[in-house]
Every structure is written in C-alpha cells, then in structure tokens.
Amino acid sequence: MDYFAWSQEYYRDAENLLSTIEKYKNLLKTADRLNYEQLNSTLSSYRYIYYDLVNTARTLEERAKETINAA
C-alpha cells in the first residue's frame, strides 16, 4: 500500500474543497437572516470535512515515513 500517494490524494481533495468553503463564506456575507443559519451550518460541515481530510493526510504521511524507516 502506498501511503504517501494516498496522503497526496487527501491533500488534493482538501485543496479542492477550499474553493467551496470560500464560496459559502462569500454567500454568508450577503445572506439574509433566514438563509444565514443554513449557510453557516453548511459552511461548518465543509470546514469539518476539510480538517478531517488534512488530518487523515497527515496520518497517512506519518505511516509512509514509518514504512520507509522500517524497511
């Protein structure tokens, strides 16, 4: 299993998600009260997913280093 390549995919997915996060942040600036809560909730979910992707990528990177060192 190639942990390093796998981690790079997670980093790439996190990077792609940043554009969606920015879109919702911009929508939040002009939202009325009714949509604000819904947009904020959606933005929070996307941020959670982003940080989960980054943390998983870091974990996979560490495993890749451990695999190299064990060999």
Protein backbone atom coordinates (compact mmCIF):
# COMPACT_ATOMS: atom_id res chain seq x y z
CA MET A 1 0.00 0.00 0.00
CA ASP A 2 1.42 3.40 -0.99
CA TYR A 3 0.60 5.61 1.98
CA PHE A 4 2.39 8.61 0.51
CA ALA A 5 0.34 8.61 -2.71
CA TRP A 6 -2.79 8.09 -0.68
CA SER A 7 -1.95 11.08 1.54
CA GLN A 8 -1.40 13.25 -1.53
CA GLU A 9 -4.89 12.39 -2.75
CA TYR A 10 -6.32 13.51 0.58
CA TYR A 11 -4.37 16.77 0.42
CA ARG A 12 -5.63 17.32 -3.14
CA ASP A 13 -9.23 16.72 -2.07
CA ALA A 14 -8.82 19.15 0.84
CA GLU A 15 -7.36 21.75 -1.52
CA ASN A 16 -10.31 21.33 -3.90
CA LEU A 17 -12.74 21.76 -1.01
CA LEU A 18 -11.27 25.16 -0.17
CA SER A 19 -12.96 26.74 -3.19
CA THR A 20 -16.33 25.51 -1.95
CA ILE A 21 -15.60 26.86 1.53
CA GLU A 22 -14.71 30.25 0.04
CA LYS A 23 -17.93 30.25 -1.98
CA TYR A 24 -20.02 29.70 1.16
CA LYS A 25 -18.04 32.32 3.09
CA ASN A 26 -18.85 34.85 0.38
CA LEU A 27 -22.52 33.85 0.33
CA LEU A 28 -22.62 34.32 4.09
CA LYS A 29 -21.65 37.99 3.72
CA THR A 30 -24.79 38.80 1.73
CA ALA A 31 -27.25 36.32 3.23
CA ASP A 32 -30.46 37.38 4.89
CA ARG A 33 -31.32 36.12 8.36
CA LEU A 34 -33.30 33.12 7.12
CA ASN A 35 -30.50 31.77 4.96
CA TYR A 36 -27.67 32.77 7.29
CA GLU A 37 -28.14 29.87 9.70
CA GLN A 38 -28.43 27.31 6.93
CA LEU A 39 -25.37 28.66 5.10
CA ASN A 40 -23.38 28.81 8.33
CA SER A 41 -24.30 25.21 9.12
CA THR A 42 -23.26 24.08 5.64
CA LEU A 43 -20.01 26.04 5.93
CA SER A 44 -19.27 24.41 9.28
CA SER A 45 -19.82 20.97 7.77
CA TYR A 46 -17.46 21.69 4.89
CA ARG A 47 -14.82 23.00 7.31
CA TYR A 48 -15.13 19.85 9.39
CA ILE A 49 -14.66 17.72 6.27
CA TYR A 50 -11.66 19.85 5.23
CA TYR A 51 -9.90 19.40 8.56
CA ASP A 52 -10.71 15.70 8.58
CA LEU A 53 -9.12 15.34 5.13
CA VAL A 54 -5.99 17.23 6.21
CA ASN A 55 -5.62 15.23 9.43
CA THR A 56 -6.07 11.94 7.58
CA ALA A 57 -3.47 13.03 5.02
CA ARG A 58 -1.02 13.80 7.83
CA THR A 59 -1.64 10.42 9.43
CA LEU A 60 -1.04 8.65 6.13
CA GLU A 61 2.15 10.66 5.61
CA GLU A 62 3.40 9.53 9.01
CA ARG A 63 2.63 5.92 8.13
CA ALA A 64 4.53 6.34 4.88
CA LYS A 65 7.57 7.58 6.83
CA GLU A 66 7.29 4.71 9.29
CA THR A 67 7.10 2.21 6.43
CA ILE A 68 10.23 3.67 4.84
CA ASN A 69 12.10 3.63 8.15
CA ALA A 70 11.05 0.04 8.90
CA ALA A 71 12.32 -1.23 5.57
